[in-house]
Amino acid sequence: MIAALRSWLTAILATAVLLSVAEKLIPEGSVRKIASMTGGLLLLTVLVRPITSLRPDSFSLDMEDYSRAVQERQAELQAENENALSELIAERTAAYISDKAASLGINCRAEVTTAAGEDGVPRPDRVELSCGKSAALSAYIAEELGIPEERQVFHGDG
């Protein structure tokens, strides 16, 4: 790119110098006017030469690449959004279970795992509890959160 610019500027400078010398050598009169006009056209040709060498197809936008990039970015953002929503649901459900356990007099920490439901929205799927087995808490989790007893894991003294 720099070499092409240097070449173009050198051509302009060389043309301007040659036209100046030619104008000084040509005697006054109509021949000088014609030579001056011809020299101006020659200089104009040298100036616009890079523009005429451009190919219009080099400026075409490849919309397929842009469309593909946009679709990929949308998929990435959708995945990030789903992960964030899943983490939020798991975190809030775990806090809800811990609060319910505390209201039942059980000191318990819950860890919830989510899975996508039929509609694609993440739902609480499995829970691990750091306390002994509690029938009341287990029943509450099954009824209120829809996590069946077989996906409830109690770790601790029973």
N, C-alpha and C. Protein backbone atom coordinates (compact mmCIF):
# COMPACT_ATOMS: atom_id res chain seq x y z
N MET A 1 0.82 -1.18 0.00
CA MET A 1 0.00 0.00 0.00
C MET A 1 0.87 1.25 0.00
N ILE A 2 1.89 1.28 0.86
CA ILE A 2 2.81 2.42 0.92
C ILE A 2 3.59 2.54 -0.38
N ALA A 3 4.00 1.42 -0.95
CA ALA A 3 4.76 1.44 -2.20
C ALA A 3 3.91 1.99 -3.33
N ALA A 4 2.65 1.62 -3.37
CA ALA A 4 1.75 2.13 -4.41
C ALA A 4 1.55 3.63 -4.26
N LEU A 5 1.39 4.09 -3.02
CA LEU A 5 1.22 5.53 -2.78
C LEU A 5 2.49 6.29 -3.17
N ARG A 6 3.64 5.73 -2.83
CA ARG A 6 4.91 6.37 -3.19
C ARG A 6 5.06 6.44 -4.71
N SER A 7 4.70 5.37 -5.40
CA SER A 7 4.79 5.34 -6.86
C SER A 7 3.86 6.38 -7.48
N TRP A 8 2.67 6.50 -6.96
CA TRP A 8 1.69 7.45 -7.47
C TRP A 8 2.19 8.89 -7.28
N LEU A 9 2.68 9.20 -6.08
CA LEU A 9 3.19 10.55 -5.82
C LEU A 9 4.41 10.87 -6.68
N THR A 10 5.27 9.90 -6.90
CA THR A 10 6.45 10.09 -7.76
C THR A 10 6.02 10.39 -9.19
N ALA A 11 4.99 9.67 -9.67
CA ALA A 11 4.50 9.91 -11.03
C ALA A 11 3.92 11.31 -11.16
N ILE A 12 3.20 11.75 -10.15
CA ILE A 12 2.63 13.11 -10.17
C ILE A 12 3.75 14.14 -10.20
N LEU A 13 4.73 13.97 -9.34
CA LEU A 13 5.85 14.91 -9.26
C LEU A 13 6.64 14.94 -10.57
N ALA A 14 6.94 13.78 -11.12
CA ALA A 14 7.70 13.71 -12.37
C ALA A 14 6.93 14.37 -13.51
N THR A 15 5.63 14.11 -13.57
CA THR A 15 4.81 14.71 -14.62
C THR A 15 4.78 16.24 -14.48
N ALA A 16 4.62 16.72 -13.27
CA ALA A 16 4.57 18.16 -13.03
C ALA A 16 5.90 18.82 -13.42
N VAL A 17 7.02 18.20 -13.08
CA VAL A 17 8.33 18.76 -13.42
C VAL A 17 8.51 18.79 -14.94
N LEU A 18 8.19 17.67 -15.62
CA LEU A 18 8.32 17.62 -17.09
C LEU A 18 7.43 18.65 -17.76
N LEU A 19 6.21 18.83 -17.25
CA LEU A 19 5.32 19.82 -17.85
C LEU A 19 5.84 21.24 -17.63
N SER A 20 6.43 21.49 -16.49
CA SER A 20 7.02 22.81 -16.23
C SER A 20 8.16 23.11 -17.19
N VAL A 21 9.04 22.13 -17.37
CA VAL A 21 10.18 22.30 -18.28
C VAL A 21 9.69 22.49 -19.70
N ALA A 22 8.71 21.67 -20.11
CA ALA A 22 8.18 21.78 -21.47
C ALA A 22 7.52 23.13 -21.69
N GLU A 23 6.83 23.64 -20.72
CA GLU A 23 6.16 24.94 -20.86
C GLU A 23 7.18 26.07 -21.01
N LYS A 24 8.29 25.96 -20.31
CA LYS A 24 9.32 27.00 -20.42
C LYS A 24 10.03 26.95 -21.77
N LEU A 25 10.13 25.75 -22.37
CA LEU A 25 10.83 25.61 -23.65
C LEU A 25 9.97 25.99 -24.85
N ILE A 26 8.66 25.91 -24.73
CA ILE A 26 7.76 26.20 -25.84
C ILE A 26 7.58 27.73 -25.93
N PRO A 27 7.69 28.28 -27.14
CA PRO A 27 7.56 29.74 -27.28
C PRO A 27 6.12 30.21 -27.03
N GLU A 28 5.96 31.50 -26.76
CA GLU A 28 4.65 32.10 -26.52
C GLU A 28 3.77 31.94 -27.75
N GLY A 29 2.46 31.86 -27.50
CA GLY A 29 1.53 31.81 -28.62
C GLY A 29 0.54 30.68 -28.45
N SER A 30 -0.12 30.35 -29.58
CA SER A 30 -1.18 29.34 -29.54
C SER A 30 -0.64 27.94 -29.27
N VAL A 31 0.58 27.65 -29.70
CA VAL A 31 1.18 26.33 -29.46
C VAL A 31 1.39 26.13 -27.96
N ARG A 32 1.79 27.17 -27.29
CA ARG A 32 2.02 27.09 -25.84
C ARG A 32 0.70 26.84 -25.10
N LYS A 33 -0.38 27.49 -25.57
CA LYS A 33 -1.70 27.29 -24.94
C LYS A 33 -2.17 25.84 -25.13
N ILE A 34 -1.98 25.32 -26.34
CA ILE A 34 -2.38 23.92 -26.61
C ILE A 34 -1.53 22.97 -25.78
N ALA A 35 -0.23 23.24 -25.71
CA ALA A 35 0.67 22.39 -24.92
C ALA A 35 0.32 22.46 -23.44
N SER A 36 -0.04 23.63 -22.97
CA SER A 36 -0.42 23.80 -21.56
C SER A 36 -1.70 23.01 -21.25
N MET A 37 -2.68 23.09 -22.18
CA MET A 37 -3.92 22.35 -21.97
C MET A 37 -3.67 20.83 -22.03
N THR A 38 -2.87 20.41 -22.97
CA THR A 38 -2.53 18.99 -23.09
C THR A 38 -1.78 18.52 -21.85
N GLY A 39 -0.87 19.34 -21.35
CA GLY A 39 -0.13 19.00 -20.13
C GLY A 39 -1.06 18.90 -18.92
N GLY A 40 -2.06 19.77 -18.84
CA GLY A 40 -3.03 19.71 -17.75
C GLY A 40 -3.84 18.42 -17.79
N LEU A 41 -4.24 18.02 -19.00
CA LEU A 41 -4.98 16.75 -19.16
C LEU A 41 -4.10 15.56 -18.78
N LEU A 42 -2.83 15.63 -19.16
CA LEU A 42 -1.89 14.56 -18.81
C LEU A 42 -1.72 14.47 -17.29
N LEU A 43 -1.59 15.62 -16.65
CA LEU A 43 -1.46 15.63 -15.18
C LEU A 43 -2.73 15.10 -14.52
N LEU A 44 -3.89 15.47 -15.06
CA LEU A 44 -5.16 14.96 -14.53
C LEU A 44 -5.24 13.44 -14.68
N THR A 45 -4.77 12.93 -15.81
CA THR A 45 -4.76 11.48 -16.04
C THR A 45 -3.88 10.78 -15.01
N VAL A 46 -2.74 11.34 -14.72
CA VAL A 46 -1.82 10.76 -13.72
C VAL A 46 -2.48 10.80 -12.33
N LEU A 47 -3.21 11.88 -12.05
CA LEU A 47 -3.86 12.00 -10.74
C LEU A 47 -4.96 10.96 -10.53
N VAL A 48 -5.75 10.69 -11.57
CA VAL A 48 -6.90 9.78 -11.40
C VAL A 48 -6.58 8.33 -11.76
N ARG A 49 -5.36 8.05 -12.16
CA ARG A 49 -4.98 6.67 -12.53
C ARG A 49 -5.28 5.65 -11.43
N PRO A 50 -4.98 5.90 -10.15
CA PRO A 50 -5.30 4.89 -9.13
C PRO A 50 -6.80 4.62 -9.00
N ILE A 51 -7.61 5.63 -9.24
CA ILE A 51 -9.06 5.44 -9.13
C ILE A 51 -9.57 4.56 -10.27
N THR A 52 -9.01 4.74 -11.47
CA THR A 52 -9.46 3.94 -12.61
C THR A 52 -8.98 2.49 -12.52
N SER A 53 -7.93 2.24 -11.73
CA SER A 53 -7.44 0.86 -11.61
C SER A 53 -8.19 0.05 -10.56
N LEU A 54 -9.08 0.70 -9.82
CA LEU A 54 -9.85 -0.02 -8.81
C LEU A 54 -10.91 -0.89 -9.48
N ARG A 55 -11.14 -2.04 -8.91
CA ARG A 55 -12.17 -2.93 -9.42
C ARG A 55 -13.38 -2.87 -8.48
N PRO A 56 -14.57 -2.65 -9.02
CA PRO A 56 -15.75 -2.55 -8.17
C PRO A 56 -16.02 -3.82 -7.36
N ASP A 57 -15.66 -4.97 -7.89
CA ASP A 57 -15.92 -6.20 -7.15
C ASP A 57 -15.07 -6.31 -5.90
N SER A 58 -13.98 -5.54 -5.82
CA SER A 58 -13.15 -5.58 -4.61
C SER A 58 -13.83 -4.86 -3.44
N PHE A 59 -14.84 -4.05 -3.73
CA PHE A 59 -15.55 -3.33 -2.69
C PHE A 59 -16.86 -4.00 -2.29
N SER A 60 -17.19 -5.09 -2.95
CA SER A 60 -18.46 -5.74 -2.63
C SER A 60 -18.40 -6.33 -1.23
N LEU A 61 -19.51 -6.25 -0.56
CA LEU A 61 -19.61 -6.79 0.79
C LEU A 61 -20.11 -8.23 0.71
N ASP A 62 -19.46 -9.09 1.43
CA ASP A 62 -19.88 -10.48 1.46
C ASP A 62 -20.90 -10.63 2.58
N MET A 63 -22.15 -10.47 2.23
CA MET A 63 -23.22 -10.49 3.22
C MET A 63 -23.38 -11.86 3.88
N GLU A 64 -22.99 -12.90 3.19
CA GLU A 64 -23.09 -14.22 3.79
C GLU A 64 -22.17 -14.34 5.01
N ASP A 65 -20.96 -13.82 4.89
CA ASP A 65 -20.03 -13.86 6.03
C ASP A 65 -20.57 -13.04 7.19
N TYR A 66 -21.08 -11.85 6.90
CA TYR A 66 -21.62 -11.00 7.96
C TYR A 66 -22.84 -11.66 8.59
N SER A 67 -23.70 -12.24 7.78
CA SER A 67 -24.90 -12.90 8.29
C SER A 67 -24.51 -14.09 9.18
N ARG A 68 -23.54 -14.85 8.75
CA ARG A 68 -23.07 -16.00 9.52
C ARG A 68 -22.47 -15.53 10.85
N ALA A 69 -21.69 -14.46 10.81
CA ALA A 69 -21.08 -13.93 12.03
C ALA A 69 -22.14 -13.44 13.00
N VAL A 70 -23.17 -12.80 12.47
CA VAL A 70 -24.26 -12.32 13.33
C VAL A 70 -25.00 -13.49 13.96
N GLN A 71 -25.27 -14.53 13.18
CA GLN A 71 -25.96 -15.70 13.71
C GLN A 71 -25.12 -16.39 14.79
N GLU A 72 -23.81 -16.49 14.57
CA GLU A 72 -22.94 -17.11 15.57
C GLU A 72 -22.94 -16.30 16.85
N ARG A 73 -22.88 -14.99 16.71
CA ARG A 73 -22.88 -14.13 17.91
C ARG A 73 -24.21 -14.22 18.64
N GLN A 74 -25.31 -14.29 17.90
CA GLN A 74 -26.61 -14.44 18.53
C GLN A 74 -26.69 -15.77 19.29
N ALA A 75 -26.13 -16.83 18.71
CA ALA A 75 -26.14 -18.12 19.39
C ALA A 75 -25.29 -18.07 20.66
N GLU A 76 -24.13 -17.39 20.60
CA GLU A 76 -23.29 -17.24 21.79
C GLU A 76 -24.03 -16.48 22.89
N LEU A 77 -24.66 -15.40 22.50
CA LEU A 77 -25.40 -14.59 23.49
C LEU A 77 -26.57 -15.37 24.07
N GLN A 78 -27.25 -16.15 23.24
CA GLN A 78 -28.37 -16.97 23.72
C GLN A 78 -27.87 -18.00 24.74
N ALA A 79 -26.75 -18.64 24.44
CA ALA A 79 -26.18 -19.62 25.36
C ALA A 79 -25.76 -18.96 26.68
N GLU A 80 -25.13 -17.79 26.59
CA GLU A 80 -24.74 -17.07 27.81
C GLU A 80 -25.96 -16.69 28.64
N ASN A 81 -27.01 -16.26 27.95
CA ASN A 81 -28.25 -15.87 28.63
C ASN A 81 -28.88 -17.08 29.32
N GLU A 82 -28.91 -18.21 28.63
CA GLU A 82 -29.48 -19.43 29.22
C GLU A 82 -28.66 -19.88 30.43
N ASN A 83 -27.34 -19.80 30.33
CA ASN A 83 -26.48 -20.18 31.46
C ASN A 83 -26.71 -19.26 32.65
N ALA A 84 -26.80 -17.96 32.38
CA ALA A 84 -27.03 -17.01 33.47
C ALA A 84 -28.39 -17.24 34.12
N LEU A 85 -29.40 -17.50 33.31
CA LEU A 85 -30.74 -17.77 33.86
C LEU A 85 -30.74 -19.06 34.67
N SER A 86 -30.06 -20.09 34.16
CA SER A 86 -29.97 -21.36 34.88
C SER A 86 -29.28 -21.18 36.23
N GLU A 87 -28.18 -20.43 36.24
CA GLU A 87 -27.46 -20.18 37.50
C GLU A 87 -28.32 -19.39 38.48
N LEU A 88 -29.05 -18.41 37.97
CA LEU A 88 -29.91 -17.61 38.84
C LEU A 88 -31.03 -18.46 39.44
N ILE A 89 -31.64 -19.29 38.63
CA ILE A 89 -32.71 -20.16 39.13
C ILE A 89 -32.17 -21.12 40.17
N ALA A 90 -31.01 -21.72 39.90
CA ALA A 90 -30.40 -22.66 40.85
C ALA A 90 -30.07 -21.96 42.16
N GLU A 91 -29.50 -20.76 42.07
CA GLU A 91 -29.12 -20.02 43.27
C GLU A 91 -30.33 -19.62 44.11
N ARG A 92 -31.35 -19.11 43.46
CA ARG A 92 -32.54 -18.67 44.20
C ARG A 92 -33.32 -19.86 44.78
N THR A 93 -33.36 -20.95 44.03
CA THR A 93 -34.06 -22.14 44.53
C THR A 93 -33.32 -22.70 45.74
N ALA A 94 -31.99 -22.72 45.69
CA ALA A 94 -31.20 -23.21 46.81
C ALA A 94 -31.45 -22.34 48.04
N ALA A 95 -31.50 -21.02 47.86
CA ALA A 95 -31.78 -20.13 48.99
C ALA A 95 -33.19 -20.36 49.53
N TYR A 96 -34.12 -20.61 48.65
CA TYR A 96 -35.51 -20.87 49.06
C TYR A 96 -35.59 -22.15 49.89
N ILE A 97 -34.90 -23.18 49.43
CA ILE A 97 -34.90 -24.46 50.16
C ILE A 97 -34.23 -24.29 51.52
N SER A 98 -33.11 -23.58 51.55
CA SER A 98 -32.40 -23.35 52.82
C SER A 98 -33.29 -22.58 53.81
N ASP A 99 -34.02 -21.59 53.31
CA ASP A 99 -34.93 -20.82 54.17
C ASP A 99 -36.06 -21.71 54.69
N LYS A 100 -36.60 -22.58 53.84
CA LYS A 100 -37.67 -23.48 54.26
C LYS A 100 -37.15 -24.46 55.30
N ALA A 101 -35.93 -24.97 55.08
CA ALA A 101 -35.32 -25.88 56.05
C ALA A 101 -35.14 -25.18 57.39
N ALA A 102 -34.71 -23.94 57.38
CA ALA A 102 -34.53 -23.17 58.61
C ALA A 102 -35.87 -22.98 59.32
N SER A 103 -36.94 -22.77 58.55
CA SER A 103 -38.26 -22.61 59.18
C SER A 103 -38.75 -23.93 59.80
N LEU A 104 -38.21 -25.04 59.30
CA LEU A 104 -38.55 -26.34 59.88
C LEU A 104 -37.58 -26.71 61.01
N GLY A 105 -36.64 -25.83 61.29
CA GLY A 105 -35.68 -26.08 62.36
C GLY A 105 -34.50 -26.93 61.93
N ILE A 106 -34.22 -26.97 60.65
CA ILE A 106 -33.12 -27.78 60.11
C ILE A 106 -32.04 -26.84 59.60
N ASN A 107 -30.80 -27.05 60.04
CA ASN A 107 -29.68 -26.27 59.52
C ASN A 107 -29.17 -27.00 58.28
N CYS A 108 -29.40 -26.41 57.13
CA CYS A 108 -29.15 -27.13 55.87
C CYS A 108 -28.70 -26.16 54.78
N ARG A 109 -27.77 -26.63 53.99
CA ARG A 109 -27.33 -25.86 52.81
C ARG A 109 -27.73 -26.68 51.59
N ALA A 110 -28.34 -26.03 50.61
CA ALA A 110 -28.82 -26.73 49.42
C ALA A 110 -28.01 -26.33 48.20
N GLU A 111 -27.82 -27.30 47.32
CA GLU A 111 -27.18 -27.06 46.04
C GLU A 111 -28.09 -27.62 44.96
N VAL A 112 -28.58 -26.75 44.09
CA VAL A 112 -29.59 -27.13 43.10
C VAL A 112 -28.96 -27.19 41.72
N THR A 113 -29.37 -28.20 40.95
CA THR A 113 -28.98 -28.34 39.56
C THR A 113 -30.23 -28.16 38.72
N THR A 114 -30.09 -27.46 37.59
CA THR A 114 -31.25 -27.22 36.73
C THR A 114 -31.13 -28.03 35.44
N ALA A 115 -32.26 -28.19 34.80
CA ALA A 115 -32.32 -28.82 33.48
C ALA A 115 -33.39 -28.09 32.68
N ALA A 116 -33.22 -28.06 31.37
CA ALA A 116 -34.19 -27.38 30.52
C ALA A 116 -35.49 -28.17 30.50
N GLY A 117 -36.59 -27.44 30.67
CA GLY A 117 -37.90 -28.07 30.59
C GLY A 117 -38.33 -28.25 29.14
N GLU A 118 -39.56 -28.69 28.93
CA GLU A 118 -40.05 -28.91 27.58
C GLU A 118 -40.07 -27.62 26.76
N ASP A 119 -40.27 -26.50 27.43
CA ASP A 119 -40.30 -25.21 26.73
C ASP A 119 -38.92 -24.57 26.61
N GLY A 120 -37.88 -25.26 27.09
CA GLY A 120 -36.52 -24.75 27.00
C GLY A 120 -36.10 -23.90 28.17
N VAL A 121 -37.02 -23.59 29.08
CA VAL A 121 -36.70 -22.78 30.25
C VAL A 121 -36.09 -23.67 31.32
N PRO A 122 -34.99 -23.26 31.93
CA PRO A 122 -34.38 -24.09 32.97
C PRO A 122 -35.28 -24.20 34.20
N ARG A 123 -35.35 -25.41 34.73
CA ARG A 123 -36.17 -25.68 35.92
C ARG A 123 -35.32 -26.46 36.93
N PRO A 124 -35.61 -26.32 38.22
CA PRO A 124 -34.87 -27.12 39.21
C PRO A 124 -35.06 -28.61 38.92
N ASP A 125 -33.97 -29.35 38.87
CA ASP A 125 -34.05 -30.76 38.49
C ASP A 125 -33.55 -31.69 39.59
N ARG A 126 -32.54 -31.25 40.33
CA ARG A 126 -31.93 -32.10 41.34
C ARG A 126 -31.43 -31.21 42.46
N VAL A 127 -31.46 -31.74 43.69
CA VAL A 127 -30.99 -30.96 44.83
C VAL A 127 -30.14 -31.85 45.74
N GLU A 128 -29.04 -31.29 46.19
CA GLU A 128 -28.19 -31.97 47.17
C GLU A 128 -28.23 -31.11 48.43
N LEU A 129 -28.52 -31.77 49.56
CA LEU A 129 -28.70 -31.06 50.83
C LEU A 129 -27.65 -31.53 51.83
N SER A 130 -27.08 -30.58 52.54
CA SER A 130 -26.04 -30.90 53.52
C SER A 130 -26.67 -31.06 54.91
N CYS A 131 -27.62 -31.96 55.00
CA CYS A 131 -28.26 -32.24 56.29
C CYS A 131 -28.82 -33.65 56.24
N GLY A 132 -29.23 -34.12 57.39
CA GLY A 132 -29.83 -35.45 57.46
C GLY A 132 -31.18 -35.48 56.77
N LYS A 133 -31.63 -36.67 56.43
CA LYS A 133 -32.90 -36.86 55.73
C LYS A 133 -34.04 -36.31 56.58
N SER A 134 -34.89 -35.50 55.97
CA SER A 134 -36.07 -34.94 56.62
C SER A 134 -37.26 -35.20 55.71
N ALA A 135 -38.20 -35.98 56.22
CA ALA A 135 -39.39 -36.32 55.42
C ALA A 135 -40.19 -35.06 55.10
N ALA A 136 -40.31 -34.15 56.06
CA ALA A 136 -41.09 -32.93 55.85
C ALA A 136 -40.45 -32.06 54.77
N LEU A 137 -39.13 -31.88 54.84
CA LEU A 137 -38.43 -31.07 53.85
C LEU A 137 -38.48 -31.74 52.48
N SER A 138 -38.31 -33.05 52.45
CA SER A 138 -38.35 -33.79 51.20
C SER A 138 -39.72 -33.67 50.54
N ALA A 139 -40.77 -33.80 51.32
CA ALA A 139 -42.13 -33.68 50.79
C ALA A 139 -42.38 -32.27 50.27
N TYR A 140 -41.89 -31.27 51.02
CA TYR A 140 -42.07 -29.88 50.61
C TYR A 140 -41.37 -29.62 49.27
N ILE A 141 -40.14 -30.12 49.13
CA ILE A 141 -39.38 -29.92 47.89
C ILE A 141 -40.10 -30.60 46.73
N ALA A 142 -40.63 -31.79 46.96
CA ALA A 142 -41.33 -32.51 45.90
C ALA A 142 -42.61 -31.78 45.50
N GLU A 143 -43.38 -31.31 46.47
CA GLU A 143 -44.66 -30.66 46.18
C GLU A 143 -44.48 -29.27 45.59
N GLU A 144 -43.67 -28.46 46.23
CA GLU A 144 -43.56 -27.05 45.83
C GLU A 144 -42.64 -26.80 44.64
N LEU A 145 -41.57 -27.59 44.55
CA LEU A 145 -40.58 -27.33 43.50
C LEU A 145 -40.59 -28.37 42.39
N GLY A 146 -41.33 -29.45 42.58
CA GLY A 146 -41.43 -30.47 41.54
C GLY A 146 -40.19 -31.33 41.40
N ILE A 147 -39.36 -31.39 42.44
CA ILE A 147 -38.17 -32.24 42.40
C ILE A 147 -38.52 -33.52 43.17
N PRO A 148 -38.69 -34.64 42.46
CA PRO A 148 -39.10 -35.87 43.14
C PRO A 148 -38.03 -36.36 44.12
N GLU A 149 -38.45 -37.21 45.05
CA GLU A 149 -37.56 -37.68 46.11
C GLU A 149 -36.34 -38.42 45.57
N GLU A 150 -36.46 -39.10 44.43
CA GLU A 150 -35.31 -39.83 43.89
C GLU A 150 -34.22 -38.89 43.38
N ARG A 151 -34.53 -37.60 43.17
CA ARG A 151 -33.51 -36.62 42.75
C ARG A 151 -33.17 -35.64 43.89
N GLN A 152 -33.44 -36.08 45.11
CA GLN A 152 -33.07 -35.32 46.31
C GLN A 152 -32.02 -36.14 47.05
N VAL A 153 -30.86 -35.57 47.24
CA VAL A 153 -29.77 -36.28 47.89
C VAL A 153 -29.46 -35.58 49.20
N PHE A 154 -29.56 -36.32 50.30
CA PHE A 154 -29.25 -35.78 51.63
C PHE A 154 -27.88 -36.30 52.05
N HIS A 155 -27.01 -35.39 52.43
CA HIS A 155 -25.69 -35.76 52.94
C HIS A 155 -25.64 -35.33 54.41
N GLY A 156 -25.43 -36.25 55.28
CA GLY A 156 -25.31 -35.88 56.69
C GLY A 156 -25.99 -36.90 57.57
N ASP A 157 -26.05 -36.57 58.85
CA ASP A 157 -26.65 -37.48 59.83
C ASP A 157 -28.15 -37.49 59.63
N GLY A 158 -28.73 -38.65 59.70
CA GLY A 158 -30.15 -38.80 59.52
C GLY A 158 -30.78 -38.86 60.82
